[in-house]
Every structure is written in C-alpha cells, then in structure tokens.
Amino acid sequence: MSIDEVLLIAEEAMEKAVAHLASEFQKVRTGKASPTLVENLVVEAYEGTSLKLRELASITAPEPRLIIIQPWDSSTVEAIRRAIEEAGLGITPTIDGKIIRLPIPELSQERREELVKIIRKMTEEQRIIVRHARRDALESLRKMQKEGLITEDELAFAEKNVQKLTDKYIDKLDQTLSKKESELLKV
C-alpha cells in the first residue's frame, strides 16, 4: 500500500461521515414541510413486507407546513399512518380518503433547543468517525515506516497531510452543523 492509498482511504471515510451527517440532518424537522422528513420511514405493508415510504407512495409538500402522502395502493393507508405515528416525529397524520395529510406544527423554542442538542450530538458522532479514520491512517503509515517502505521524512509529510484532511473534514462537519442550527433557531 502506498501513502496515496492510505490518504485516499482516510479521505473516503471522512467524506462518508460528512455525507452521513447531511442525510441525518434532513430527517430533523425544522418547522418546514419537507418530504425527506418521512420518505425513509419503514412501513410494514403486505403481510410482513417492510418497504420505505417513498416506495409505497408519492410524497409532496404543496405548502410550507403540509406534507401530503398519496399511496399508490389504498390498502396501505393504515400501515403508513401507523409507521408515521410510531416514528416519533411529533406529527399526527390525518387520513382524508386515500390521502394522508401531515400538518407540520410550529416548533416551540424549547423543542428547537432540544433539536439543537440532538444535532450537536450527531455531529460529534461523525467527528469521532473522522478522528478514527485519522488514527487508522496514521497507524498504517507508521507500520509502513517500521517495515521500511517509507522514510521518516515521508512519514512526517504524510502525517501532516492526514492532519490537513482531518481538519478539512472536521471543518465541513462544523459548517453543516452551523447551517442546520441557524435553520432550526430561525423563527
């Protein structure tokens, strides 16, 4: 394995952490209606078959505070309603014939602060993943140096590059957090 391969593996792991955080943040409700809030909910439909909601229905947000779910098969309406209630989103679905309406309530200041704590914890979990990628890369590099595959100078240079990568991805995580925090705290 070369230094470039070690750096590439570390960067891929760090990039995945940033992407994962962004996808997790889409699930956190900001008071605005967004189909991403419910599209990945798992629904028990068709006698024990689990499907994601986006596979069972069309999901739209025609108004800033309303999500409309139109199942392709009307027999899944109850299963979808149950999945939404069990998800703990704090949204009560209303069934209107074959359509499920999700009115998004205004977030209280207390709930906004709670959500900020949750997203900070999510961000810290991803920072830890980035640091683990750094640790793994440094261990690989030191092992390569011990085996005589790279010199001490190359090791020092590679370690600096690993740290630069780590700083870059920690910064990306922090920017993502700050953007989501301002979105949540905006009334």
C-alpha atoms as a PDB file:
ATOM      1  CA  MET A   1       0.000   0.000   0.000  1.00  0.00           C
ATOM      2  CA  SER A   2       1.282   3.484  -0.827  1.00  0.00           C
ATOM      3  CA  ILE A   3       0.973   6.758   1.067  1.00  0.00           C
ATOM      4  CA  ASP A   4      -1.543   7.975  -1.526  1.00  0.00           C
ATOM      5  CA  GLU A   5      -3.707   4.896  -0.993  1.00  0.00           C
ATOM      6  CA  VAL A   6      -3.687   5.415   2.789  1.00  0.00           C
ATOM      7  CA  LEU A   7      -4.678   9.066   2.315  1.00  0.00           C
ATOM      8  CA  LEU A   8      -7.399   8.116  -0.171  1.00  0.00           C
ATOM      9  CA  ILE A   9      -8.898   5.525   2.199  1.00  0.00           C
ATOM     10  CA  ALA A  10      -8.882   8.065   5.045  1.00  0.00           C
ATOM     11  CA  GLU A  11     -10.460  10.747   2.856  1.00  0.00           C
ATOM     12  CA  GLU A  12     -13.206   8.384   1.682  1.00  0.00           C
ATOM     13  CA  ALA A  13     -14.079   7.504   5.283  1.00  0.00           C
ATOM     14  CA  MET A  14     -14.144  11.182   6.243  1.00  0.00           C
ATOM     15  CA  GLU A  15     -16.284  12.077   3.216  1.00  0.00           C
ATOM     16  CA  LYS A  16     -18.768   9.359   4.191  1.00  0.00           C
ATOM     17  CA  ALA A  17     -19.027  10.882   7.685  1.00  0.00           C
ATOM     18  CA  VAL A  18     -19.910  14.287   6.203  1.00  0.00           C
ATOM     19  CA  ALA A  19     -22.435  12.754   3.780  1.00  0.00           C
ATOM     20  CA  HIS A  20     -23.999  10.701   6.576  1.00  0.00           C
ATOM     21  CA  LEU A  21     -24.395  13.776   8.762  1.00  0.00           C
ATOM     22  CA  ALA A  22     -26.071  15.673   5.928  1.00  0.00           C
ATOM     23  CA  SER A  23     -28.530  12.825   5.360  1.00  0.00           C
ATOM     24  CA  GLU A  24     -29.262  12.572   9.091  1.00  0.00           C
ATOM     25  CA  PHE A  25     -29.888  16.312   9.276  1.00  0.00           C
ATOM     26  CA  GLN A  26     -32.531  16.020   6.547  1.00  0.00           C
ATOM     27  CA  LYS A  27     -34.561  13.885   8.941  1.00  0.00           C
ATOM     28  CA  VAL A  28     -34.502  16.554  11.652  1.00  0.00           C
ATOM     29  CA  ARG A  29     -37.599  18.673  11.472  1.00  0.00           C
ATOM     30  CA  THR A  30     -37.137  22.432  11.161  1.00  0.00           C
ATOM     31  CA  GLY A  31     -40.765  23.522  11.170  1.00  0.00           C
ATOM     32  CA  LYS A  32     -40.881  23.469   7.371  1.00  0.00           C
ATOM     33  CA  ALA A  33     -42.561  20.672   5.455  1.00  0.00           C
ATOM     34  CA  SER A  34     -40.063  18.516   3.598  1.00  0.00           C
ATOM     35  CA  PRO A  35     -40.674  15.091   2.019  1.00  0.00           C
ATOM     36  CA  THR A  36     -37.235  13.975   3.271  1.00  0.00           C
ATOM     37  CA  LEU A  37     -38.689  14.021   6.782  1.00  0.00           C
ATOM     38  CA  VAL A  38     -40.747  10.882   6.085  1.00  0.00           C
ATOM     39  CA  GLU A  39     -39.535   9.326   2.828  1.00  0.00           C
ATOM     40  CA  ASN A  40     -37.232   6.815   4.535  1.00  0.00           C
ATOM     41  CA  LEU A  41     -39.708   5.637   7.166  1.00  0.00           C
ATOM     42  CA  VAL A  42     -40.047   1.863   7.117  1.00  0.00           C
ATOM     43  CA  VAL A  43     -43.642   0.731   6.637  1.00  0.00           C
ATOM     44  CA  GLU A  44     -44.836  -2.798   7.400  1.00  0.00           C
ATOM     45  CA  ALA A  45     -47.032  -3.413   4.373  1.00  0.00           C
ATOM     46  CA  TYR A  46     -48.313  -6.504   2.632  1.00  0.00           C
ATOM     47  CA  GLU A  47     -48.125  -9.129   5.376  1.00  0.00           C
ATOM     48  CA  GLY A  48     -44.693  -8.679   6.861  1.00  0.00           C
ATOM     49  CA  THR A  49     -43.011  -6.951   3.936  1.00  0.00           C
ATOM     50  CA  SER A  50     -41.097  -3.831   5.009  1.00  0.00           C
ATOM     51  CA  LEU A  51     -40.763  -1.034   2.469  1.00  0.00           C
ATOM     52  CA  LYS A  52     -39.624   2.555   2.659  1.00  0.00           C
ATOM     53  CA  LEU A  53     -42.450   5.066   2.418  1.00  0.00           C
ATOM     54  CA  ARG A  54     -41.076   6.541  -0.820  1.00  0.00           C
ATOM     55  CA  GLU A  55     -41.522   3.093  -2.406  1.00  0.00           C
ATOM     56  CA  LEU A  56     -45.203   2.989  -1.424  1.00  0.00           C
ATOM     57  CA  ALA A  57     -46.410   6.493  -2.110  1.00  0.00           C
ATOM     58  CA  SER A  58     -45.931   9.867  -3.694  1.00  0.00           C
ATOM     59  CA  ILE A  59     -44.782  12.429  -1.108  1.00  0.00           C
ATOM     60  CA  THR A  60     -45.178  16.166  -1.719  1.00  0.00           C
ATOM     61  CA  ALA A  61     -45.042  19.408   0.251  1.00  0.00           C
ATOM     62  CA  PRO A  62     -47.529  21.716  -1.520  1.00  0.00           C
ATOM     63  CA  GLU A  63     -47.455  24.237   1.353  1.00  0.00           C
ATOM     64  CA  PRO A  64     -44.705  25.269   3.788  1.00  0.00           C
ATOM     65  CA  ARG A  65     -46.432  23.480   6.690  1.00  0.00           C
ATOM     66  CA  LEU A  66     -48.043  20.469   4.994  1.00  0.00           C
ATOM     67  CA  ILE A  67     -46.834  17.148   3.641  1.00  0.00           C
ATOM     68  CA  ILE A  68     -49.220  15.094   1.522  1.00  0.00           C
ATOM     69  CA  ILE A  69     -48.725  11.372   1.054  1.00  0.00           C
ATOM     70  CA  GLN A  70     -50.639   9.642  -1.718  1.00  0.00           C
ATOM     71  CA  PRO A  71     -50.203   5.854  -1.516  1.00  0.00           C
ATOM     72  CA  TRP A  72     -50.256   4.036  -4.833  1.00  0.00           C
ATOM     73  CA  ASP A  73     -52.252   1.262  -3.184  1.00  0.00           C
ATOM     74  CA  SER A  74     -55.064   2.488  -0.930  1.00  0.00           C
ATOM     75  CA  SER A  75     -54.800  -0.668   1.211  1.00  0.00           C
ATOM     76  CA  THR A  76     -51.513   0.650   2.650  1.00  0.00           C
ATOM     77  CA  VAL A  77     -53.002   3.854   4.122  1.00  0.00           C
ATOM     78  CA  GLU A  78     -53.363   2.412   7.641  1.00  0.00           C
ATOM     79  CA  ALA A  79     -49.884   0.872   7.623  1.00  0.00           C
ATOM     80  CA  ILE A  80     -48.396   4.224   6.557  1.00  0.00           C
ATOM     81  CA  ARG A  81     -50.329   6.090   9.263  1.00  0.00           C
ATOM     82  CA  ARG A  82     -49.090   3.610  11.885  1.00  0.00           C
ATOM     83  CA  ALA A  83     -45.460   3.936  10.708  1.00  0.00           C
ATOM     84  CA  ILE A  84     -45.645   7.743  10.932  1.00  0.00           C
ATOM     85  CA  GLU A  85     -47.089   7.626  14.446  1.00  0.00           C
ATOM     86  CA  GLU A  86     -44.503   5.071  15.624  1.00  0.00           C
ATOM     87  CA  ALA A  87     -41.619   7.106  14.162  1.00  0.00           C
ATOM     88  CA  GLY A  88     -41.895   9.663  16.977  1.00  0.00           C
ATOM     89  CA  LEU A  89     -41.778  12.693  14.701  1.00  0.00           C
ATOM     90  CA  GLY A  90     -44.296  14.598  16.789  1.00  0.00           C
ATOM     91  CA  ILE A  91     -46.665  14.819  13.822  1.00  0.00           C
ATOM     92  CA  THR A  92     -50.192  13.450  13.848  1.00  0.00           C
ATOM     93  CA  PRO A  93     -51.286  12.202  10.432  1.00  0.00           C
ATOM     94  CA  THR A  94     -54.836  12.792   9.265  1.00  0.00           C
ATOM     95  CA  ILE A  95     -56.416  10.481   6.723  1.00  0.00           C
ATOM     96  CA  ASP A  96     -58.551  12.076   4.049  1.00  0.00           C
ATOM     97  CA  GLY A  97     -59.868   9.223   1.917  1.00  0.00           C
ATOM     98  CA  LYS A  98     -56.836   7.821   0.089  1.00  0.00           C
ATOM     99  CA  ILE A  99     -54.587  10.735   1.071  1.00  0.00           C
ATOM    100  CA  ILE A 100     -52.609  11.201   4.283  1.00  0.00           C
ATOM    101  CA  ARG A 101     -52.011  14.772   5.375  1.00  0.00           C
ATOM    102  CA  LEU A 102     -49.204  15.680   7.767  1.00  0.00           C
ATOM    103  CA  PRO A 103     -49.652  19.169   9.169  1.00  0.00           C
ATOM    104  CA  ILE A 104     -46.270  20.344  10.434  1.00  0.00           C
ATOM    105  CA  PRO A 105     -46.767  22.228  13.717  1.00  0.00           C
ATOM    106  CA  GLU A 106     -44.734  25.291  14.620  1.00  0.00           C
ATOM    107  CA  LEU A 107     -41.747  24.342  16.768  1.00  0.00           C
ATOM    108  CA  SER A 108     -41.642  25.753  20.286  1.00  0.00           C
ATOM    109  CA  GLN A 109     -38.421  27.444  21.437  1.00  0.00           C
ATOM    110  CA  GLU A 110     -37.891  24.601  23.910  1.00  0.00           C
ATOM    111  CA  ARG A 111     -38.195  21.990  21.134  1.00  0.00           C
ATOM    112  CA  ARG A 112     -35.836  23.984  18.914  1.00  0.00           C
ATOM    113  CA  GLU A 113     -33.192  23.967  21.670  1.00  0.00           C
ATOM    114  CA  GLU A 114     -33.742  20.225  22.168  1.00  0.00           C
ATOM    115  CA  LEU A 115     -33.202  19.632  18.442  1.00  0.00           C
ATOM    116  CA  VAL A 116     -30.018  21.730  18.513  1.00  0.00           C
ATOM    117  CA  LYS A 117     -28.659  19.450  21.269  1.00  0.00           C
ATOM    118  CA  ILE A 118     -29.578  16.403  19.170  1.00  0.00           C
ATOM    119  CA  ILE A 119     -27.841  17.694  16.039  1.00  0.00           C
ATOM    120  CA  ARG A 120     -24.748  18.649  18.054  1.00  0.00           C
ATOM    121  CA  LYS A 121     -24.593  15.084  19.356  1.00  0.00           C
ATOM    122  CA  MET A 122     -24.991  13.728  15.784  1.00  0.00           C
ATOM    123  CA  THR A 123     -22.150  15.989  14.656  1.00  0.00           C
ATOM    124  CA  GLU A 124     -19.880  14.839  17.476  1.00  0.00           C
ATOM    125  CA  GLU A 125     -20.511  11.204  16.493  1.00  0.00           C
ATOM    126  CA  GLN A 126     -19.338  11.987  12.955  1.00  0.00           C
ATOM    127  CA  ARG A 127     -16.305  13.919  14.274  1.00  0.00           C
ATOM    128  CA  ILE A 128     -15.345  10.755  16.147  1.00  0.00           C
ATOM    129  CA  ILE A 129     -15.604   8.765  12.896  1.00  0.00           C
ATOM    130  CA  VAL A 130     -13.316  11.307  11.189  1.00  0.00           C
ATOM    131  CA  ARG A 131     -10.823  11.025  14.045  1.00  0.00           C
ATOM    132  CA  HIS A 132     -10.941   7.223  13.810  1.00  0.00           C
ATOM    133  CA  ALA A 133     -10.129   7.488  10.093  1.00  0.00           C
ATOM    134  CA  ARG A 134      -7.177   9.722  11.031  1.00  0.00           C
ATOM    135  CA  ARG A 135      -5.992   7.231  13.649  1.00  0.00           C
ATOM    136  CA  ASP A 136      -6.249   4.315  11.204  1.00  0.00           C
ATOM    137  CA  ALA A 137      -4.321   6.240   8.539  1.00  0.00           C
ATOM    138  CA  LEU A 138      -1.573   7.205  10.999  1.00  0.00           C
ATOM    139  CA  GLU A 139      -1.284   3.605  12.218  1.00  0.00           C
ATOM    140  CA  SER A 140      -0.950   2.374   8.617  1.00  0.00           C
ATOM    141  CA  LEU A 141       1.694   4.975   7.858  1.00  0.00           C
ATOM    142  CA  ARG A 142       3.715   4.173  10.987  1.00  0.00           C
ATOM    143  CA  LYS A 143       3.513   0.482  10.165  1.00  0.00           C
ATOM    144  CA  MET A 144       4.788   1.218   6.642  1.00  0.00           C
ATOM    145  CA  GLN A 145       7.703   3.188   8.128  1.00  0.00           C
ATOM    146  CA  LYS A 146       8.548   0.351  10.546  1.00  0.00           C
ATOM    147  CA  GLU A 147       8.574  -2.096   7.632  1.00  0.00           C
ATOM    148  CA  GLY A 148      10.965   0.185   5.773  1.00  0.00           C
ATOM    149  CA  LEU A 149       8.502   1.012   2.972  1.00  0.00           C
ATOM    150  CA  ILE A 150       8.734   4.756   3.641  1.00  0.00           C
ATOM    151  CA  THR A 151      11.341   7.022   5.235  1.00  0.00           C
ATOM    152  CA  GLU A 152      10.893   9.107   8.368  1.00  0.00           C
ATOM    153  CA  ASP A 153      10.652  12.252   6.245  1.00  0.00           C
ATOM    154  CA  GLU A 154       7.921  10.715   4.105  1.00  0.00           C
ATOM    155  CA  LEU A 155       6.124   9.636   7.284  1.00  0.00           C
ATOM    156  CA  ALA A 156       6.269  13.173   8.725  1.00  0.00           C
ATOM    157  CA  PHE A 157       4.990  14.642   5.438  1.00  0.00           C
ATOM    158  CA  ALA A 158       2.169  12.061   5.222  1.00  0.00           C
ATOM    159  CA  GLU A 159       1.183  12.669   8.860  1.00  0.00           C
ATOM    160  CA  LYS A 160       0.852  16.386   8.103  1.00  0.00           C
ATOM    161  CA  ASN A 161      -1.369  15.567   5.107  1.00  0.00           C
ATOM    162  CA  VAL A 162      -3.559  13.296   7.243  1.00  0.00           C
ATOM    163  CA  GLN A 163      -3.953  16.116   9.774  1.00  0.00           C
ATOM    164  CA  LYS A 164      -4.839  18.590   6.989  1.00  0.00           C
ATOM    165  CA  LEU A 165      -7.506  16.170   5.745  1.00  0.00           C
ATOM    166  CA  THR A 166      -8.848  15.732   9.268  1.00  0.00           C
ATOM    167  CA  ASP A 167      -9.032  19.498   9.821  1.00  0.00           C
ATOM    168  CA  LYS A 168     -10.768  19.964   6.451  1.00  0.00           C
ATOM    169  CA  TYR A 169     -13.477  17.391   7.197  1.00  0.00           C
ATOM    170  CA  ILE A 170     -13.997  18.488  10.805  1.00  0.00           C
ATOM    171  CA  ASP A 171     -14.496  21.995   9.398  1.00  0.00           C
ATOM    172  CA  LYS A 172     -17.049  20.662   6.882  1.00  0.00           C
ATOM    173  CA  LEU A 173     -18.924  18.957   9.727  1.00  0.00           C
ATOM    174  CA  ASP A 174     -18.896  22.186  11.739  1.00  0.00           C
ATOM    175  CA  GLN A 175     -20.195  24.185   8.760  1.00  0.00           C
ATOM    176  CA  THR A 176     -23.006  21.677   8.236  1.00  0.00           C
ATOM    177  CA  LEU A 177     -23.875  21.904  11.940  1.00  0.00           C
ATOM    178  CA  SER A 178     -23.841  25.683  11.970  1.00  0.00           C
ATOM    179  CA  LYS A 179     -26.112  25.862   8.908  1.00  0.00           C
ATOM    180  CA  LYS A 180     -28.622  23.424  10.455  1.00  0.00           C
ATOM    181  CA  GLU A 181     -28.509  25.223  13.827  1.00  0.00           C
ATOM    182  CA  SER A 182     -29.373  28.553  12.213  1.00  0.00           C
ATOM    183  CA  GLU A 183     -32.163  26.837  10.261  1.00  0.00           C
ATOM    184  CA  LEU A 184     -33.589  25.385  13.485  1.00  0.00           C
ATOM    185  CA  LEU A 185     -33.310  28.546  15.542  1.00  0.00           C
ATOM    186  CA  LYS A 186     -34.813  30.789  12.863  1.00  0.00           C
ATOM    187  CA  VAL A 187     -38.395  31.535  13.889  1.00  0.00           C
END
